[in-house]
C-alpha atoms as a PDB file:
ATOM      1  CA  MET A   1      32.357  -7.199  -3.752  1.00  0.00           C
ATOM      2  CA  ARG A   2      35.560  -4.546  -2.103  1.00  0.00           C
ATOM      3  CA  LYS A   3      35.028  -1.742  -0.244  1.00  0.00           C
ATOM      4  CA  THR A   4      35.766   1.646  -1.994  1.00  0.00           C
ATOM      5  CA  SER A   5      38.943   3.532  -0.512  1.00  0.00           C
ATOM      6  CA  ASN A   6      38.976   7.155   0.429  1.00  0.00           C
ATOM      7  CA  ASP A   7      40.803   8.353  -2.387  1.00  0.00           C
ATOM      8  CA  GLU A   8      37.615   6.486  -5.062  1.00  0.00           C
ATOM      9  CA  LEU A   9      35.126   8.307  -3.638  1.00  0.00           C
ATOM     10  CA  ASP A  10      35.884  11.468  -5.182  1.00  0.00           C
ATOM     11  CA  ARG A  11      34.940  13.968  -1.591  1.00  0.00           C
ATOM     12  CA  LEU A  12      35.097  17.320  -2.222  1.00  0.00           C
ATOM     13  CA  ASP A  13      38.305  19.469  -0.353  1.00  0.00           C
ATOM     14  CA  GLN A  14      37.440  21.174   2.328  1.00  0.00           C
ATOM     15  CA  ASN A  15      37.883  24.428   0.342  1.00  0.00           C
ATOM     16  CA  SER A  16      35.678  22.927  -2.593  1.00  0.00           C
ATOM     17  CA  PHE A  17      33.124  22.085  -0.061  1.00  0.00           C
ATOM     18  CA  CYS A  18      32.617  25.719   1.149  1.00  0.00           C
ATOM     19  CA  GLU A  19      32.829  27.236  -2.549  1.00  0.00           C
ATOM     20  CA  ALA A  20      29.708  24.715  -4.140  1.00  0.00           C
ATOM     21  CA  ASN A  21      26.632  25.155  -4.891  1.00  0.00           C
ATOM     22  CA  LYS A  22      23.918  24.029  -1.548  1.00  0.00           C
ATOM     23  CA  ILE A  23      20.484  22.399  -1.560  1.00  0.00           C
ATOM     24  CA  PRO A  24      18.557  25.505  -0.249  1.00  0.00           C
ATOM     25  CA  VAL A  25      17.728  24.043   2.797  1.00  0.00           C
ATOM     26  CA  VAL A  26      18.634  25.378   6.704  1.00  0.00           C
ATOM     27  CA  VAL A  27      18.616  23.628   9.510  1.00  0.00           C
ATOM     28  CA  ILE A  28      17.389  24.402  13.315  1.00  0.00           C
ATOM     29  CA  LEU A  29      17.873  23.010  15.944  1.00  0.00           C
ATOM     30  CA  ASP A  30      15.460  24.402  18.719  1.00  0.00           C
ATOM     31  CA  ASN A  31      17.165  23.543  22.255  1.00  0.00           C
ATOM     32  CA  ILE A  32      18.736  20.443  21.785  1.00  0.00           C
ATOM     33  CA  ARG A  33      20.259  19.079  24.911  1.00  0.00           C
ATOM     34  CA  SER A  34      23.149  16.666  23.636  1.00  0.00           C
ATOM     35  CA  GLN A  35      26.410  17.922  22.344  1.00  0.00           C
ATOM     36  CA  SER A  36      26.742  14.453  20.283  1.00  0.00           C
ATOM     37  CA  ASN A  37      23.200  14.768  18.433  1.00  0.00           C
ATOM     38  CA  ILE A  38      25.160  18.275  17.536  1.00  0.00           C
ATOM     39  CA  GLY A  39      27.616  16.765  15.973  1.00  0.00           C
ATOM     40  CA  SER A  40      25.875  14.133  13.955  1.00  0.00           C
ATOM     41  CA  PHE A  41      23.896  17.241  12.720  1.00  0.00           C
ATOM     42  CA  PHE A  42      27.029  19.015  11.535  1.00  0.00           C
ATOM     43  CA  ARG A  43      27.561  15.564   9.833  1.00  0.00           C
ATOM     44  CA  THR A  44      24.511  15.082   8.263  1.00  0.00           C
ATOM     45  CA  CYS A  45      24.240  18.627   7.097  1.00  0.00           C
ATOM     46  CA  ASP A  46      27.835  18.121   5.334  1.00  0.00           C
ATOM     47  CA  ALA A  47      26.879  14.806   3.885  1.00  0.00           C
ATOM     48  CA  PHE A  48      23.788  16.380   2.188  1.00  0.00           C
ATOM     49  CA  ARG A  49      25.505  19.865   1.194  1.00  0.00           C
ATOM     50  CA  ILE A  50      23.009  21.937   3.376  1.00  0.00           C
ATOM     51  CA  GLU A  51      22.991  25.339   3.200  1.00  0.00           C
ATOM     52  CA  GLU A  52      23.099  26.472   6.732  1.00  0.00           C
ATOM     53  CA  LEU A  53      22.308  25.244  10.182  1.00  0.00           C
ATOM     54  CA  VAL A  54      21.202  27.404  12.951  1.00  0.00           C
ATOM     55  CA  LEU A  55      21.993  26.591  16.347  1.00  0.00           C
ATOM     56  CA  CYS A  56      19.150  28.338  18.890  1.00  0.00           C
ATOM     57  CA  GLY A  57      18.480  28.125  22.597  1.00  0.00           C
ATOM     58  CA  ILE A  58      19.818  25.787  24.834  1.00  0.00           C
ATOM     59  CA  THR A  59      22.105  23.713  22.005  1.00  0.00           C
ATOM     60  CA  ALA A  60      25.856  24.321  22.066  1.00  0.00           C
ATOM     61  CA  THR A  61      28.135  25.752  19.863  1.00  0.00           C
ATOM     62  CA  PRO A  62      31.053  24.474  18.441  1.00  0.00           C
ATOM     63  CA  PRO A  63      34.534  24.476  19.779  1.00  0.00           C
ATOM     64  CA  HIS A  64      33.104  21.999  21.803  1.00  0.00           C
ATOM     65  CA  ARG A  65      35.227  18.034  22.583  1.00  0.00           C
ATOM     66  CA  GLU A  66      32.062  16.187  22.289  1.00  0.00           C
ATOM     67  CA  ILE A  67      30.430  18.401  19.199  1.00  0.00           C
ATOM     68  CA  GLN A  68      33.709  17.925  17.458  1.00  0.00           C
ATOM     69  CA  LYS A  69      34.101  13.934  18.161  1.00  0.00           C
ATOM     70  CA  THR A  70      30.686  13.184  16.241  1.00  0.00           C
ATOM     71  CA  ALA A  71      31.361  16.451  13.635  1.00  0.00           C
ATOM     72  CA  LEU A  72      34.628  14.723  12.554  1.00  0.00           C
ATOM     73  CA  GLY A  73      35.453  18.178  11.206  1.00  0.00           C
ATOM     74  CA  ALA A  74      32.192  19.192   9.843  1.00  0.00           C
ATOM     75  CA  THR A  75      31.785  22.334  11.933  1.00  0.00           C
ATOM     76  CA  GLU A  76      35.002  23.701   9.662  1.00  0.00           C
ATOM     77  CA  THR A  77      32.568  23.192   6.335  1.00  0.00           C
ATOM     78  CA  VAL A  78      29.029  23.306   6.800  1.00  0.00           C
ATOM     79  CA  ALA A  79      27.941  26.998   7.743  1.00  0.00           C
ATOM     80  CA  TRP A  80      26.355  27.490  11.232  1.00  0.00           C
ATOM     81  CA  ARG A  81      25.339  30.337  13.568  1.00  0.00           C
ATOM     82  CA  TYR A  82      23.928  30.714  17.005  1.00  0.00           C
ATOM     83  CA  SER A  83      20.683  32.785  17.627  1.00  0.00           C
ATOM     84  CA  PRO A  84      18.844  32.693  21.425  1.00  0.00           C
ATOM     85  CA  ASP A  85      15.738  33.177  19.883  1.00  0.00           C
ATOM     86  CA  THR A  86      14.003  30.243  17.364  1.00  0.00           C
ATOM     87  CA  VAL A  87      11.379  32.968  16.748  1.00  0.00           C
ATOM     88  CA  GLU A  88      13.320  35.244  15.440  1.00  0.00           C
ATOM     89  CA  VAL A  89      15.376  32.925  13.117  1.00  0.00           C
ATOM     90  CA  ILE A  90      11.618  31.825  11.538  1.00  0.00           C
ATOM     91  CA  ASP A  91      10.751  35.190  11.260  1.00  0.00           C
ATOM     92  CA  GLU A  92      14.145  36.304   9.379  1.00  0.00           C
ATOM     93  CA  LEU A  93      13.710  32.973   7.195  1.00  0.00           C
ATOM     94  CA  ARG A  94       9.938  33.705   5.952  1.00  0.00           C
ATOM     95  CA  GLY A  95      11.016  37.490   5.791  1.00  0.00           C
ATOM     96  CA  LYS A  96      13.335  36.099   2.682  1.00  0.00           C
ATOM     97  CA  GLY A  97      10.795  33.380   1.380  1.00  0.00           C
ATOM     98  CA  TYR A  98      11.967  30.226   3.177  1.00  0.00           C
ATOM     99  CA  LEU A  99       8.587  27.718   3.767  1.00  0.00           C
ATOM    100  CA  ILE A 100       9.013  27.221   7.274  1.00  0.00           C
ATOM    101  CA  ILE A 101       8.726  22.870   8.279  1.00  0.00           C
ATOM    102  CA  GLY A 102       8.557  21.617  11.503  1.00  0.00           C
ATOM    103  CA  VAL A 103       9.716  17.976  12.315  1.00  0.00           C
ATOM    104  CA  GLU A 104       7.509  16.923  14.727  1.00  0.00           C
ATOM    105  CA  GLN A 105       4.378  14.452  15.651  1.00  0.00           C
ATOM    106  CA  ALA A 106       1.206  17.009  15.172  1.00  0.00           C
ATOM    107  CA  GLU A 107      -2.015  17.455  13.978  1.00  0.00           C
ATOM    108  CA  PRO A 108      -2.319  18.168  11.313  1.00  0.00           C
ATOM    109  CA  HIS A 109       0.950  16.946   9.960  1.00  0.00           C
ATOM    110  CA  GLN A 110       2.673  15.636   6.508  1.00  0.00           C
ATOM    111  CA  ASP A 111       3.457  11.878   5.965  1.00  0.00           C
ATOM    112  CA  LEU A 112       6.962  11.626   5.158  1.00  0.00           C
ATOM    113  CA  LEU A 113       6.262   8.734   3.493  1.00  0.00           C
ATOM    114  CA  VAL A 114       3.989  10.386   0.464  1.00  0.00           C
ATOM    115  CA  HIS A 115       5.411  14.244   0.980  1.00  0.00           C
ATOM    116  CA  GLU A 116       7.468  15.874  -1.792  1.00  0.00           C
ATOM    117  CA  PHE A 117       9.729  18.823  -1.020  1.00  0.00           C
ATOM    118  CA  ASP A 118       9.021  22.084  -2.904  1.00  0.00           C
ATOM    119  CA  LEU A 119      12.444  22.822  -3.233  1.00  0.00           C
ATOM    120  CA  SER A 120      12.464  25.643  -6.256  1.00  0.00           C
ATOM    121  CA  ARG A 121      11.372  27.461  -2.703  1.00  0.00           C
ATOM    122  CA  PRO A 122      13.736  27.770  -0.152  1.00  0.00           C
ATOM    123  CA  THR A 123      13.324  25.532   3.068  1.00  0.00           C
ATOM    124  CA  ALA A 124      13.857  25.597   6.888  1.00  0.00           C
ATOM    125  CA  LEU A 125      13.444  22.396   8.899  1.00  0.00           C
ATOM    126  CA  ILE A 126      12.788  22.521  12.480  1.00  0.00           C
ATOM    127  CA  PHE A 127      14.307  19.958  14.520  1.00  0.00           C
ATOM    128  CA  GLY A 128      13.252  19.702  18.892  1.00  0.00           C
ATOM    129  CA  ASN A 129      14.756  19.239  21.832  1.00  0.00           C
ATOM    130  CA  GLU A 130      15.508  15.568  22.784  1.00  0.00           C
ATOM    131  CA  VAL A 131      12.348  15.511  25.221  1.00  0.00           C
ATOM    132  CA  ASP A 132      10.004  18.478  24.645  1.00  0.00           C
ATOM    133  CA  GLY A 133      10.351  18.169  20.607  1.00  0.00           C
ATOM    134  CA  ILE A 134       9.421  21.262  19.115  1.00  0.00           C
ATOM    135  CA  SER A 135       8.291  24.160  21.490  1.00  0.00           C
ATOM    136  CA  GLU A 136       4.790  25.377  21.199  1.00  0.00           C
ATOM    137  CA  GLU A 137       5.706  28.891  20.354  1.00  0.00           C
ATOM    138  CA  VAL A 138       7.695  27.670  17.516  1.00  0.00           C
ATOM    139  CA  MET A 139       4.981  25.365  16.462  1.00  0.00           C
ATOM    140  CA  ASN A 140       3.158  28.501  16.126  1.00  0.00           C
ATOM    141  CA  CYS A 141       5.711  29.903  13.798  1.00  0.00           C
ATOM    142  CA  VAL A 142       5.220  26.751  11.335  1.00  0.00           C
ATOM    143  CA  ASP A 143       4.409  26.723   8.301  1.00  0.00           C
ATOM    144  CA  PHE A 144       3.191  22.857   8.530  1.00  0.00           C
ATOM    145  CA  ALA A 145       4.824  19.341  10.027  1.00  0.00           C
ATOM    146  CA  ILE A 146       5.951  16.457   8.400  1.00  0.00           C
ATOM    147  CA  GLU A 147       5.865  13.317  10.597  1.00  0.00           C
ATOM    148  CA  ILE A 148       7.970  10.868   9.838  1.00  0.00           C
ATOM    149  CA  PRO A 149       5.594   7.232   9.492  1.00  0.00           C
ATOM    150  CA  GLN A 150       6.717   4.799  12.508  1.00  0.00           C
ATOM    151  CA  SER A 151       5.433   1.267  13.472  1.00  0.00           C
ATOM    152  CA  GLY A 152       7.372  -0.010  16.050  1.00  0.00           C
ATOM    153  CA  THR A 153       6.560   0.449  20.131  1.00  0.00           C
ATOM    154  CA  LYS A 154       8.413   3.545  20.589  1.00  0.00           C
ATOM    155  CA  HIS A 155       6.898   6.927  20.662  1.00  0.00           C
ATOM    156  CA  SER A 156       9.737   8.724  18.639  1.00  0.00           C
ATOM    157  CA  LEU A 157      13.288   8.532  17.036  1.00  0.00           C
ATOM    158  CA  ASN A 158      16.095   9.695  18.428  1.00  0.00           C
ATOM    159  CA  VAL A 159      16.306  14.005  16.842  1.00  0.00           C
ATOM    160  CA  ALA A 160      19.772  13.130  15.170  1.00  0.00           C
ATOM    161  CA  VAL A 161      18.298  10.024  13.824  1.00  0.00           C
ATOM    162  CA  SER A 162      15.274  11.954  12.367  1.00  0.00           C
ATOM    163  CA  GLY A 163      17.830  14.637  11.121  1.00  0.00           C
ATOM    164  CA  GLY A 164      19.448  11.957   9.016  1.00  0.00           C
ATOM    165  CA  ILE A 165      16.137  10.831   7.729  1.00  0.00           C
ATOM    166  CA  LEU A 166      14.668  14.019   6.584  1.00  0.00           C
ATOM    167  CA  LEU A 167      17.842  15.337   4.948  1.00  0.00           C
ATOM    168  CA  TRP A 168      18.314  12.147   3.283  1.00  0.00           C
ATOM    169  CA  GLU A 169      14.782  12.205   1.719  1.00  0.00           C
ATOM    170  CA  THR A 170      15.727  15.766   1.039  1.00  0.00           C
ATOM    171  CA  TYR A 171      18.536  15.247  -0.867  1.00  0.00           C
ATOM    172  CA  LYS A 172      17.245  12.426  -2.843  1.00  0.00           C
ATOM    173  CA  GLN A 173      14.349  15.010  -4.314  1.00  0.00           C
ATOM    174  CA  TYR A 174      16.594  17.062  -5.018  1.00  0.00           C
ATOM    175  CA  ARG A 175      18.816  14.836  -6.985  1.00  0.00           C
ATOM    176  CA  MET A 176      16.045  13.451  -8.484  1.00  0.00           C
ATOM    177  CA  LYS A 177      14.991  16.977  -9.920  1.00  0.00           C
ATOM    178  CA  ASN A 178      18.520  18.544 -10.387  1.00  0.00           C
ATOM    179  CA  LYS A 179      20.385  15.806 -12.293  1.00  0.00           C
ATOM    180  CA  ASN A 180      23.513  17.598 -13.215  1.00  0.00           C
ATOM    181  CA  TRP A 181      23.746  18.984  -9.879  1.00  0.00           C
ATOM    182  CA  ARG A 182      27.014  17.259  -7.820  1.00  0.00           C
END
């Protein structure tokens, strides 16, 4: 067993990444407080070639030292924008045919363990504030909620961890249905 060198990983350079096809998913961050969490989302969106990251409300935007420290340059590759109003972003995306999914502990919800993403339709995944989750106003706009099943004593996961889990599952399902996608 040996570790793979960076050269062997065959990663895209920045220009090739920006021109490459993306998975038809937009990630919306609804009032995320931690700049480290924001940076983690940038890096995860880069890893799974997500279409766009939308930073809403109090969510900080690049350039910022704490975001950059975690993003490790992904702020230069991931398409992103800022909007003060999450509901306006949802309305815009819905008008373009996006399915709007809240990642939240809610009733009713779909369990991520058995959920199959319909990625023939563009999808928006909304992640909420570290303390309060997705705002009620925004929850009233989603098509449905997905919940990550948990079996421990804590009531929730870190928002960036939740993002990693959801985006990995989305990426995995997309790759399995699109065998030639790279």
